[in-house]
Protein backbone atom coordinates (compact mmCIF):
# COMPACT_ATOMS: atom_id res chain seq x y z
CA MET A 1 140.86 -29.23 -44.00
CA ALA A 2 141.38 -27.99 -40.74
CA LYS A 3 140.34 -24.69 -39.36
CA LEU A 4 143.40 -22.67 -37.30
CA TYR A 5 142.49 -20.22 -34.78
CA VAL A 6 144.99 -17.30 -33.90
CA SER A 7 146.11 -17.81 -30.59
CA TYR A 8 148.95 -15.94 -29.79
CA LEU A 9 149.80 -12.61 -31.53
CA GLN A 10 152.38 -9.73 -30.23
CA HIS A 11 153.87 -6.91 -32.58
CA ARG A 12 157.33 -7.15 -32.80
CA ARG A 13 159.17 -3.89 -31.72
CA PRO A 14 160.23 -2.05 -34.03
CA PRO A 15 157.21 -2.90 -36.53
CA GLU A 16 158.83 -3.34 -39.41
CA SER A 17 159.87 -6.48 -38.07
CA GLY A 18 157.15 -8.15 -37.99
CA VAL A 19 154.58 -10.55 -36.38
CA ASP A 20 154.61 -13.56 -34.01
CA ILE A 21 151.35 -15.94 -34.15
CA CYS A 22 150.76 -18.95 -32.76
CA PHE A 23 147.75 -21.00 -34.40
CA VAL A 24 145.86 -23.53 -32.12
CA PRO A 25 142.84 -26.15 -33.53
CA SER A 26 140.58 -25.07 -30.96
CA HIS A 27 138.79 -22.14 -30.98
CA GLU A 28 138.27 -22.80 -26.90
CA LYS A 29 142.25 -21.70 -26.91
CA ALA A 30 141.84 -19.32 -29.54
CA LEU A 31 142.68 -15.31 -29.02
CA ALA A 32 139.50 -13.34 -28.61
CA TRP A 33 138.33 -9.70 -29.55
CA ALA A 34 135.26 -7.37 -28.30
CA ASP A 35 134.25 -6.64 -31.33
CA ARG A 36 134.17 -7.94 -34.57
CA MET A 37 135.88 -4.59 -36.48
CA SER A 38 138.80 -5.27 -34.20
CA ALA A 39 139.22 -8.84 -35.53
CA GLU A 40 138.32 -7.85 -38.34
CA ASN A 41 141.32 -5.21 -39.01
CA VAL A 42 144.11 -7.81 -37.87
CA ALA A 43 142.64 -10.68 -40.06
CA GLN A 44 143.07 -7.92 -42.89
CA ILE A 45 145.93 -5.81 -41.99
CA ASP A 46 148.28 -7.69 -40.08
CA LEU A 47 147.36 -11.38 -41.12
CA GLU A 48 147.31 -11.26 -44.88
CA LYS A 49 149.72 -8.65 -45.57
CA ALA A 50 152.31 -11.82 -43.15
CA ASN A 51 153.89 -14.09 -45.08
CA ILE A 52 152.54 -17.56 -43.35
CA THR A 53 153.63 -20.69 -44.44
CA LEU A 54 152.26 -24.16 -42.86
CA THR A 55 154.28 -27.14 -44.26
CA GLY A 56 151.72 -29.28 -46.29
CA SER A 57 149.90 -26.22 -46.86
CA GLY A 58 151.79 -23.00 -48.75
CA VAL A 59 151.25 -19.70 -47.29
CA LEU A 60 147.99 -19.22 -44.86
CA ARG A 61 145.70 -16.56 -45.96
CA ASN A 62 141.97 -16.06 -46.61
CA PHE A 63 141.52 -15.07 -42.34
CA ARG A 64 138.07 -14.69 -40.97
CA VAL A 65 136.23 -13.84 -38.21
CA GLU A 66 133.99 -16.30 -36.39
CA GLU A 67 131.70 -14.91 -33.76
CA LEU A 68 131.38 -17.52 -31.36
CA GLY A 69 129.34 -15.50 -28.74
CA PRO A 70 128.09 -11.86 -27.09
CA GLU A 71 131.52 -9.60 -27.69
CA LYS A 72 133.58 -12.60 -28.38
CA PHE A 73 135.32 -12.66 -31.59
CA VAL A 74 138.25 -14.89 -33.14
CA ILE A 75 139.97 -15.00 -36.33
CA PHE A 76 140.78 -18.81 -38.07
CA CYS A 77 141.85 -19.61 -41.65
CA GLU A 78 141.27 -23.00 -43.45
CA ALA A 79 144.57 -25.23 -43.94
CA GLN A 80 145.68 -28.46 -44.71
CA VAL A 81 147.18 -30.25 -42.22
C-alpha cells in the first residue's frame, strides 16, 4: 500500500459537474489546509462522495487527514500501486 496525497482540488462549475483532483506520492507537494476541520470537511464531503478510480486499486476511499505541522494539514488515502 502507498499513500496518495491530494495535490490539486478544483470544483467544477456548475457544482453538480464534479471535482477535479490530482494525487502525488509525497506529502511535500500535497495541497495543505490551515486547520484540521477544513481538511476533514473536504475529505468527508468532497472526496468520499466522488467516484475516484485508480487502475489496479479500484475506487479510492477512506480519505484521512495528516498533520504535518502547525497550520499544515494534508489529505491522503492508501492505495495499491
